[in-house]
Amino acid sequence: MVAKHRNELGLTQLELAQQIGVSRAQVANIESGRHDPPVSRLRMFATALRCNVQDLIP
């Protein structure tokens, strides 16, 4: 769901990572499902992606 919202905004993984202060690899791992971020990190993603936390949970 992160990738879907990121792509809708036209952001690269690197751009999103820089906005929330994580590495591009961390964004890639979350998007691929290899890593489940804590709720606090989901809030950061939701803010950067202009959506609700619930929108990021499949």
Protein backbone atom coordinates (compact mmCIF):
# COMPACT_ATOMS: atom_id res chain seq x y z
CA MET A 1 0.00 0.00 0.00
CA VAL A 2 2.94 2.32 0.62
CA ALA A 3 4.15 1.86 -2.96
CA LYS A 4 0.67 2.55 -4.34
CA HIS A 5 0.36 5.85 -2.49
CA ARG A 6 3.99 6.78 -3.22
CA ASN A 7 3.51 6.18 -6.94
CA GLU A 8 0.27 8.19 -6.97
CA LEU A 9 2.25 11.16 -5.64
CA GLY A 10 5.04 10.61 -8.15
CA LEU A 11 7.68 10.06 -5.47
CA THR A 12 10.67 7.78 -5.73
CA GLN A 13 11.63 5.51 -2.85
CA LEU A 14 14.59 7.79 -2.17
CA GLU A 15 12.45 10.92 -2.07
CA LEU A 16 10.02 9.32 0.37
CA ALA A 17 12.87 8.00 2.49
CA GLN A 18 14.43 11.46 2.70
CA GLN A 19 11.10 13.01 3.73
CA ILE A 20 10.67 10.68 6.69
CA GLY A 21 14.32 10.18 7.65
CA VAL A 22 14.87 6.52 6.78
CA SER A 23 17.00 4.77 4.18
CA ARG A 24 15.75 3.92 0.70
CA ALA A 25 16.39 0.27 1.57
CA GLN A 26 13.99 0.53 4.52
CA VAL A 27 11.28 1.91 2.23
CA ALA A 28 11.92 -0.94 -0.22
CA ASN A 29 11.75 -3.55 2.56
CA ILE A 30 8.45 -2.15 3.84
CA GLU A 31 6.96 -1.97 0.35
CA SER A 32 7.96 -5.56 -0.39
CA GLY A 33 6.59 -6.87 2.91
CA ARG A 34 9.97 -8.00 4.23
CA HIS A 35 9.65 -5.60 7.15
CA ASP A 36 6.63 -4.49 9.17
CA PRO A 37 7.18 -0.96 10.45
CA PRO A 38 6.11 0.12 13.93
CA VAL A 39 2.98 2.25 14.19
CA SER A 40 5.07 5.36 14.83
CA ARG A 41 6.82 4.86 11.49
CA LEU A 42 3.48 4.23 9.76
CA ARG A 43 2.35 7.64 11.00
CA MET A 44 5.40 9.21 9.38
CA PHE A 45 4.66 7.40 6.11
CA ALA A 46 1.01 8.45 6.22
CA THR A 47 1.92 12.10 6.76
CA ALA A 48 4.42 12.09 3.89
CA LEU A 49 1.97 10.24 1.62
CA ARG A 50 -0.98 12.48 2.59
CA CYS A 51 -3.17 9.61 3.70
CA ASN A 52 -4.39 7.89 6.88
CA VAL A 53 -2.47 5.14 8.63
CA GLN A 54 -5.42 2.83 7.90
CA ASP A 55 -4.87 3.42 4.16
CA LEU A 56 -1.43 1.81 4.47
CA ILE A 57 -2.63 -1.38 6.11
CA PRO A 58 -3.81 -4.03 3.64
